Amino acid sequence: MITKWDVATPGVMRLPSGRLVRGRGLRYPLPEGEQPTFGLYLLGHRPSAVDWNHRWLRWPDFWLPSDRAEAVEALREVWERAGSERVEVACGGGRGRTGTALACVAVLDGVPGPEAVAYVREHYASKAVETPWQRRYVSRFP
């Protein structure tokens, strides 16, 4: 059964292939409406429990993933699941780490690395991907 996001859901970004992924900040209340069927949480510490399938990727605020190989695997899982599920990617504020991860997912979807940050800033959040090293990580992903 396919369970995709409604494109009007706040934080939902459409990838060039048509896949939909929601980005959000965990410091804010869970948005009203449908819940994700899978979440990837980018935090320096284990996230709080949720009622859906999820994965934690250790990723300190303002930095890069602690394990680059695990990050590639997790982001590929996000891309694959987004073809048929409501997938969300989230960090504390929903901009830096989340934007970086969404840009990497856009690369997996065919957006050239050097263009992926601009894509996410246009289609998700204008201030996504906060640091120079996050931008460099995206341009060289995977």
N, C-alpha and C. Protein backbone atom coordinates (compact mmCIF):
# COMPACT_ATOMS: atom_id res chain seq x y z
N MET A 1 0.84 -1.19 0.00
CA MET A 1 0.00 0.00 0.00
C MET A 1 0.89 1.25 0.00
N ILE A 2 0.62 2.17 -0.89
CA ILE A 2 1.38 3.41 -0.96
C ILE A 2 0.76 4.43 -0.02
N THR A 3 1.60 5.03 0.82
CA THR A 3 1.14 6.03 1.78
C THR A 3 2.04 7.25 1.68
N LYS A 4 1.76 8.12 0.75
CA LYS A 4 2.59 9.30 0.54
C LYS A 4 2.01 10.52 1.24
N TRP A 5 2.85 11.53 1.37
CA TRP A 5 2.45 12.81 1.96
C TRP A 5 1.50 13.55 1.02
N ASP A 6 0.65 14.36 1.59
CA ASP A 6 -0.10 15.36 0.85
C ASP A 6 0.91 16.48 0.58
N VAL A 7 1.03 16.95 -0.64
CA VAL A 7 2.02 17.97 -0.97
C VAL A 7 1.81 19.28 -0.22
N ALA A 8 0.61 19.49 0.31
CA ALA A 8 0.32 20.72 1.06
C ALA A 8 0.79 20.64 2.51
N THR A 9 1.28 19.49 2.94
CA THR A 9 1.74 19.32 4.31
C THR A 9 2.97 20.19 4.53
N PRO A 10 2.98 20.99 5.61
CA PRO A 10 4.15 21.85 5.87
C PRO A 10 5.45 21.04 5.96
N GLY A 11 6.50 21.56 5.30
CA GLY A 11 7.81 20.93 5.34
C GLY A 11 8.04 19.87 4.27
N VAL A 12 7.01 19.54 3.49
CA VAL A 12 7.17 18.50 2.47
C VAL A 12 7.88 19.08 1.25
N MET A 13 8.91 18.36 0.83
CA MET A 13 9.69 18.75 -0.36
C MET A 13 9.51 17.69 -1.43
N ARG A 14 9.20 18.14 -2.64
CA ARG A 14 9.08 17.23 -3.78
C ARG A 14 10.44 17.13 -4.48
N LEU A 15 10.91 15.91 -4.64
CA LEU A 15 12.15 15.67 -5.38
C LEU A 15 11.84 15.63 -6.87
N PRO A 16 12.85 15.78 -7.73
CA PRO A 16 12.59 15.77 -9.17
C PRO A 16 11.84 14.52 -9.65
N SER A 17 12.06 13.38 -9.01
CA SER A 17 11.39 12.13 -9.41
C SER A 17 9.92 12.10 -8.99
N GLY A 18 9.51 13.04 -8.15
CA GLY A 18 8.14 13.05 -7.63
C GLY A 18 8.05 12.52 -6.21
N ARG A 19 9.11 11.90 -5.72
CA ARG A 19 9.11 11.44 -4.33
C ARG A 19 8.92 12.65 -3.41
N LEU A 20 8.27 12.41 -2.26
CA LEU A 20 8.03 13.46 -1.29
C LEU A 20 8.70 13.10 0.03
N VAL A 21 9.39 14.06 0.63
CA VAL A 21 10.03 13.87 1.93
C VAL A 21 9.72 15.10 2.78
N ARG A 22 9.38 14.86 4.05
CA ARG A 22 9.10 15.98 4.94
C ARG A 22 10.31 16.25 5.82
N GLY A 23 10.69 17.51 5.92
CA GLY A 23 11.71 17.94 6.86
C GLY A 23 11.03 18.68 7.99
N ARG A 24 11.59 18.57 9.20
CA ARG A 24 11.01 19.33 10.31
C ARG A 24 12.01 19.43 11.45
N GLY A 25 11.71 20.32 12.38
CA GLY A 25 12.52 20.50 13.57
C GLY A 25 11.86 19.81 14.75
N LEU A 26 12.62 19.01 15.46
CA LEU A 26 12.08 18.26 16.59
C LEU A 26 11.80 19.13 17.81
N ARG A 27 12.33 20.35 17.84
CA ARG A 27 12.05 21.25 18.97
C ARG A 27 10.65 21.86 18.89
N TYR A 28 9.98 21.64 17.78
CA TYR A 28 8.65 22.20 17.58
C TYR A 28 7.61 21.09 17.67
N PRO A 29 6.36 21.44 17.96
CA PRO A 29 5.32 20.41 18.06
C PRO A 29 5.17 19.63 16.75
N LEU A 30 4.79 18.38 16.88
CA LEU A 30 4.52 17.55 15.71
C LEU A 30 3.40 18.20 14.91
N PRO A 31 3.61 18.39 13.61
CA PRO A 31 2.55 19.02 12.80
C PRO A 31 1.26 18.20 12.82
N GLU A 32 0.16 18.89 12.70
CA GLU A 32 -1.13 18.20 12.62
C GLU A 32 -1.21 17.43 11.32
N GLY A 33 -2.10 16.46 11.28
CA GLY A 33 -2.29 15.67 10.07
C GLY A 33 -1.62 14.31 10.18
N GLU A 34 -1.36 13.73 9.04
CA GLU A 34 -0.82 12.38 9.00
C GLU A 34 0.58 12.30 9.62
N GLN A 35 0.83 11.18 10.26
CA GLN A 35 2.15 10.94 10.84
C GLN A 35 3.02 10.24 9.80
N PRO A 36 4.33 10.34 9.97
CA PRO A 36 5.20 9.61 9.06
C PRO A 36 5.07 8.10 9.27
N THR A 37 5.46 7.35 8.26
CA THR A 37 5.57 5.91 8.41
C THR A 37 7.02 5.52 8.71
N PHE A 38 7.95 6.46 8.44
CA PHE A 38 9.36 6.26 8.74
C PHE A 38 10.01 7.61 8.98
N GLY A 39 10.91 7.66 9.96
CA GLY A 39 11.64 8.90 10.24
C GLY A 39 13.12 8.64 10.39
N LEU A 40 13.92 9.57 9.90
CA LEU A 40 15.37 9.57 10.12
C LEU A 40 15.67 10.78 10.99
N TYR A 41 16.25 10.54 12.17
CA TYR A 41 16.48 11.60 13.13
C TYR A 41 17.97 11.85 13.30
N LEU A 42 18.35 13.08 13.08
CA LEU A 42 19.75 13.51 13.01
C LEU A 42 20.08 14.30 14.27
N LEU A 43 20.60 13.62 15.25
CA LEU A 43 20.86 14.25 16.54
C LEU A 43 22.17 13.73 17.12
N GLY A 44 22.74 14.50 18.05
CA GLY A 44 23.93 14.06 18.74
C GLY A 44 23.64 13.06 19.84
N HIS A 45 22.35 12.85 20.16
CA HIS A 45 21.91 11.93 21.20
C HIS A 45 20.70 11.16 20.69
N ARG A 46 20.43 10.04 21.30
CA ARG A 46 19.29 9.21 20.89
C ARG A 46 17.99 10.01 21.02
N PRO A 47 17.13 9.96 19.99
CA PRO A 47 15.87 10.73 20.04
C PRO A 47 14.84 10.08 20.96
N SER A 48 13.83 10.84 21.29
CA SER A 48 12.69 10.32 22.05
C SER A 48 11.96 9.27 21.21
N ALA A 49 11.26 8.39 21.86
CA ALA A 49 10.50 7.35 21.17
C ALA A 49 9.37 7.96 20.35
N VAL A 50 9.08 7.34 19.22
CA VAL A 50 7.97 7.73 18.36
C VAL A 50 7.15 6.49 18.03
N ASP A 51 5.96 6.68 17.49
CA ASP A 51 5.04 5.58 17.21
C ASP A 51 5.20 4.98 15.81
N TRP A 52 6.25 5.33 15.09
CA TRP A 52 6.46 4.82 13.74
C TRP A 52 7.90 4.31 13.62
N ASN A 53 8.16 3.58 12.55
CA ASN A 53 9.52 3.09 12.30
C ASN A 53 10.45 4.27 12.17
N HIS A 54 11.64 4.15 12.73
CA HIS A 54 12.59 5.26 12.65
C HIS A 54 14.01 4.75 12.78
N ARG A 55 14.90 5.65 12.48
CA ARG A 55 16.32 5.38 12.55
C ARG A 55 17.00 6.62 13.10
N TRP A 56 18.00 6.42 13.92
CA TRP A 56 18.78 7.52 14.47
C TRP A 56 20.16 7.52 13.83
N LEU A 57 20.58 8.69 13.37
CA LEU A 57 21.92 8.88 12.84
C LEU A 57 22.61 9.91 13.73
N ARG A 58 23.70 9.50 14.36
CA ARG A 58 24.41 10.44 15.25
C ARG A 58 25.00 11.55 14.37
N TRP A 59 24.53 12.78 14.66
CA TRP A 59 24.93 13.93 13.83
C TRP A 59 24.86 15.15 14.74
N PRO A 60 25.98 15.57 15.32
CA PRO A 60 25.99 16.73 16.22
C PRO A 60 25.56 18.02 15.51
N ASP A 61 24.92 18.90 16.27
CA ASP A 61 24.43 20.17 15.74
C ASP A 61 25.56 20.96 15.09
N PHE A 62 25.29 21.50 13.92
CA PHE A 62 26.20 22.32 13.12
C PHE A 62 27.35 21.54 12.49
N TRP A 63 27.38 20.22 12.62
CA TRP A 63 28.50 19.44 12.10
C TRP A 63 28.05 18.49 11.02
N LEU A 64 28.77 17.41 10.88
CA LEU A 64 28.49 16.39 9.87
C LEU A 64 28.23 15.08 10.58
N PRO A 65 27.69 14.09 9.87
CA PRO A 65 27.42 12.80 10.51
C PRO A 65 28.69 12.20 11.11
N SER A 66 28.55 11.57 12.26
CA SER A 66 29.70 10.95 12.92
C SER A 66 30.24 9.77 12.12
N ASP A 67 29.38 9.05 11.45
CA ASP A 67 29.78 7.89 10.64
C ASP A 67 29.30 8.12 9.21
N ARG A 68 30.22 8.48 8.33
CA ARG A 68 29.85 8.84 6.95
C ARG A 68 29.23 7.68 6.18
N ALA A 69 29.76 6.46 6.37
CA ALA A 69 29.22 5.30 5.67
C ALA A 69 27.78 5.01 6.12
N GLU A 70 27.55 5.11 7.41
CA GLU A 70 26.19 4.91 7.94
C GLU A 70 25.25 5.99 7.40
N ALA A 71 25.76 7.21 7.26
CA ALA A 71 24.94 8.31 6.73
C ALA A 71 24.50 8.01 5.30
N VAL A 72 25.41 7.55 4.47
CA VAL A 72 25.05 7.22 3.08
C VAL A 72 23.97 6.14 3.08
N GLU A 73 24.15 5.11 3.90
CA GLU A 73 23.17 4.03 3.99
C GLU A 73 21.80 4.55 4.45
N ALA A 74 21.79 5.38 5.48
CA ALA A 74 20.53 5.92 6.01
C ALA A 74 19.84 6.83 5.00
N LEU A 75 20.60 7.65 4.29
CA LEU A 75 20.01 8.56 3.31
C LEU A 75 19.50 7.81 2.09
N ARG A 76 20.17 6.73 1.73
CA ARG A 76 19.64 5.88 0.65
C ARG A 76 18.31 5.24 1.09
N GLU A 77 18.24 4.84 2.36
CA GLU A 77 16.99 4.28 2.87
C GLU A 77 15.86 5.31 2.81
N VAL A 78 16.16 6.55 3.17
CA VAL A 78 15.16 7.62 3.06
C VAL A 78 14.67 7.73 1.62
N TRP A 79 15.60 7.78 0.67
CA TRP A 79 15.24 7.93 -0.74
C TRP A 79 14.37 6.76 -1.20
N GLU A 80 14.79 5.54 -0.85
CA GLU A 80 14.04 4.36 -1.28
C GLU A 80 12.64 4.35 -0.68
N ARG A 81 12.54 4.57 0.62
CA ARG A 81 11.24 4.53 1.29
C ARG A 81 10.31 5.65 0.80
N ALA A 82 10.87 6.78 0.42
CA ALA A 82 10.04 7.91 -0.03
C ALA A 82 9.27 7.58 -1.30
N GLY A 83 9.62 6.51 -1.98
CA GLY A 83 8.87 6.11 -3.16
C GLY A 83 7.49 5.58 -2.84
N SER A 84 7.29 5.12 -1.60
CA SER A 84 6.00 4.54 -1.25
C SER A 84 5.53 4.82 0.17
N GLU A 85 6.30 5.61 0.93
CA GLU A 85 5.95 5.86 2.32
C GLU A 85 6.01 7.35 2.64
N ARG A 86 5.42 7.71 3.79
CA ARG A 86 5.54 9.08 4.31
C ARG A 86 6.81 9.12 5.16
N VAL A 87 7.86 9.67 4.61
CA VAL A 87 9.17 9.71 5.25
C VAL A 87 9.46 11.13 5.71
N GLU A 88 9.99 11.24 6.93
CA GLU A 88 10.44 12.55 7.40
C GLU A 88 11.90 12.45 7.82
N VAL A 89 12.58 13.59 7.68
CA VAL A 89 13.95 13.76 8.15
C VAL A 89 13.90 14.93 9.11
N ALA A 90 14.51 14.78 10.28
CA ALA A 90 14.40 15.85 11.27
C ALA A 90 15.63 15.94 12.15
N CYS A 91 15.93 17.16 12.56
CA CYS A 91 16.97 17.45 13.54
C CYS A 91 16.34 18.41 14.56
N GLY A 92 17.14 19.04 15.37
CA GLY A 92 16.59 19.95 16.38
C GLY A 92 15.79 21.09 15.79
N GLY A 93 16.42 21.88 14.93
CA GLY A 93 15.76 23.05 14.38
C GLY A 93 15.14 22.85 13.01
N GLY A 94 15.52 21.79 12.31
CA GLY A 94 14.94 21.51 11.00
C GLY A 94 15.57 22.24 9.85
N ARG A 95 16.74 22.84 10.03
CA ARG A 95 17.37 23.60 8.95
C ARG A 95 18.75 23.08 8.53
N GLY A 96 19.71 23.06 9.45
CA GLY A 96 21.08 22.71 9.10
C GLY A 96 21.27 21.26 8.74
N ARG A 97 21.15 20.39 9.73
CA ARG A 97 21.32 18.96 9.48
C ARG A 97 20.22 18.41 8.58
N THR A 98 18.98 18.82 8.85
CA THR A 98 17.87 18.36 8.02
C THR A 98 18.06 18.83 6.58
N GLY A 99 18.39 20.10 6.39
CA GLY A 99 18.62 20.61 5.04
C GLY A 99 19.75 19.90 4.34
N THR A 100 20.82 19.62 5.08
CA THR A 100 21.96 18.91 4.50
C THR A 100 21.53 17.51 4.07
N ALA A 101 20.81 16.82 4.93
CA ALA A 101 20.34 15.47 4.59
C ALA A 101 19.39 15.50 3.40
N LEU A 102 18.47 16.46 3.37
CA LEU A 102 17.55 16.57 2.23
C LEU A 102 18.30 16.86 0.94
N ALA A 103 19.34 17.68 1.01
CA ALA A 103 20.15 17.96 -0.18
C ALA A 103 20.84 16.69 -0.66
N CYS A 104 21.32 15.87 0.27
CA CYS A 104 21.95 14.60 -0.11
C CYS A 104 20.93 13.66 -0.74
N VAL A 105 19.71 13.64 -0.22
CA VAL A 105 18.66 12.82 -0.81
C VAL A 105 18.34 13.34 -2.22
N ALA A 106 18.38 14.65 -2.40
CA ALA A 106 18.17 15.22 -3.73
C ALA A 106 19.26 14.77 -4.70
N VAL A 107 20.50 14.67 -4.21
CA VAL A 107 21.59 14.15 -5.04
C VAL A 107 21.28 12.71 -5.45
N LEU A 108 20.82 11.90 -4.51
CA LEU A 108 20.45 10.52 -4.83
C LEU A 108 19.33 10.47 -5.86
N ASP A 109 18.51 11.50 -5.89
CA ASP A 109 17.39 11.58 -6.82
C ASP A 109 17.80 12.17 -8.17
N GLY A 110 19.06 12.55 -8.32
CA GLY A 110 19.53 13.03 -9.61
C GLY A 110 19.95 14.48 -9.69
N VAL A 111 19.76 15.25 -8.63
CA VAL A 111 20.20 16.65 -8.62
C VAL A 111 21.73 16.66 -8.50
N PRO A 112 22.44 17.35 -9.37
CA PRO A 112 23.89 17.41 -9.25
C PRO A 112 24.32 17.98 -7.90
N GLY A 113 25.34 17.40 -7.30
CA GLY A 113 25.82 17.82 -5.98
C GLY A 113 25.99 19.32 -5.83
N PRO A 114 26.66 19.99 -6.78
CA PRO A 114 26.86 21.43 -6.64
C PRO A 114 25.56 22.25 -6.69
N GLU A 115 24.45 21.66 -7.15
CA GLU A 115 23.17 22.36 -7.24
C GLU A 115 22.19 21.97 -6.15
N ALA A 116 22.53 20.96 -5.36
CA ALA A 116 21.57 20.39 -4.41
C ALA A 116 21.20 21.34 -3.28
N VAL A 117 22.15 22.12 -2.77
CA VAL A 117 21.82 23.07 -1.70
C VAL A 117 20.82 24.10 -2.21
N ALA A 118 21.05 24.64 -3.39
CA ALA A 118 20.12 25.61 -3.96
C ALA A 118 18.74 24.98 -4.16
N TYR A 119 18.71 23.72 -4.58
CA TYR A 119 17.43 23.03 -4.77
C TYR A 119 16.66 22.96 -3.45
N VAL A 120 17.34 22.57 -2.38
CA VAL A 120 16.67 22.44 -1.09
C VAL A 120 16.25 23.81 -0.56
N ARG A 121 17.07 24.82 -0.77
CA ARG A 121 16.71 26.16 -0.33
C ARG A 121 15.49 26.69 -1.08
N GLU A 122 15.34 26.29 -2.32
CA GLU A 122 14.18 26.73 -3.10
C GLU A 122 12.93 25.93 -2.77
N HIS A 123 13.07 24.63 -2.54
CA HIS A 123 11.91 23.75 -2.39
C HIS A 123 11.58 23.35 -0.95
N TYR A 124 12.48 23.64 0.01
CA TYR A 124 12.22 23.29 1.40
C TYR A 124 12.30 24.51 2.31
N ALA A 125 13.49 25.07 2.49
CA ALA A 125 13.67 26.21 3.40
C ALA A 125 14.83 27.06 2.91
N SER A 126 14.62 28.35 2.85
CA SER A 126 15.62 29.27 2.31
C SER A 126 16.91 29.30 3.12
N LYS A 127 16.87 28.94 4.39
CA LYS A 127 18.07 28.97 5.23
C LYS A 127 18.61 27.56 5.51
N ALA A 128 18.20 26.59 4.72
CA ALA A 128 18.65 25.21 4.91
C ALA A 128 20.15 25.10 4.59
N VAL A 129 20.81 24.18 5.26
CA VAL A 129 22.24 23.90 5.11
C VAL A 129 23.01 25.12 5.63
N GLU A 130 23.42 25.05 6.90
CA GLU A 130 23.89 26.24 7.60
C GLU A 130 25.38 26.53 7.54
N THR A 131 26.22 25.53 7.35
CA THR A 131 27.65 25.78 7.46
C THR A 131 28.39 25.48 6.16
N PRO A 132 29.57 26.06 6.00
CA PRO A 132 30.36 25.77 4.79
C PRO A 132 30.70 24.28 4.66
N TRP A 133 30.98 23.60 5.78
CA TRP A 133 31.33 22.19 5.68
C TRP A 133 30.12 21.33 5.33
N GLN A 134 28.91 21.78 5.73
CA GLN A 134 27.71 21.06 5.30
C GLN A 134 27.51 21.23 3.80
N ARG A 135 27.73 22.44 3.28
CA ARG A 135 27.61 22.66 1.84
C ARG A 135 28.64 21.82 1.07
N ARG A 136 29.86 21.76 1.56
CA ARG A 136 30.91 20.97 0.93
C ARG A 136 30.56 19.48 0.95
N TYR A 137 30.01 19.01 2.07
CA TYR A 137 29.60 17.61 2.20
C TYR A 137 28.58 17.26 1.12
N VAL A 138 27.60 18.12 0.93
CA VAL A 138 26.58 17.88 -0.10
C VAL A 138 27.20 17.86 -1.48
N SER A 139 28.07 18.81 -1.77
CA SER A 139 28.65 18.89 -3.13
C SER A 139 29.49 17.66 -3.46
N ARG A 140 29.99 16.97 -2.43
CA ARG A 140 30.81 15.78 -2.66
C ARG A 140 30.06 14.47 -2.37
N PHE A 141 28.78 14.57 -2.04
CA PHE A 141 28.00 13.36 -1.70
C PHE A 141 27.73 12.55 -2.94
N PRO A 142 27.73 11.21 -2.88
CA PRO A 142 28.02 10.34 -1.76
C PRO A 142 29.48 10.11 -1.68
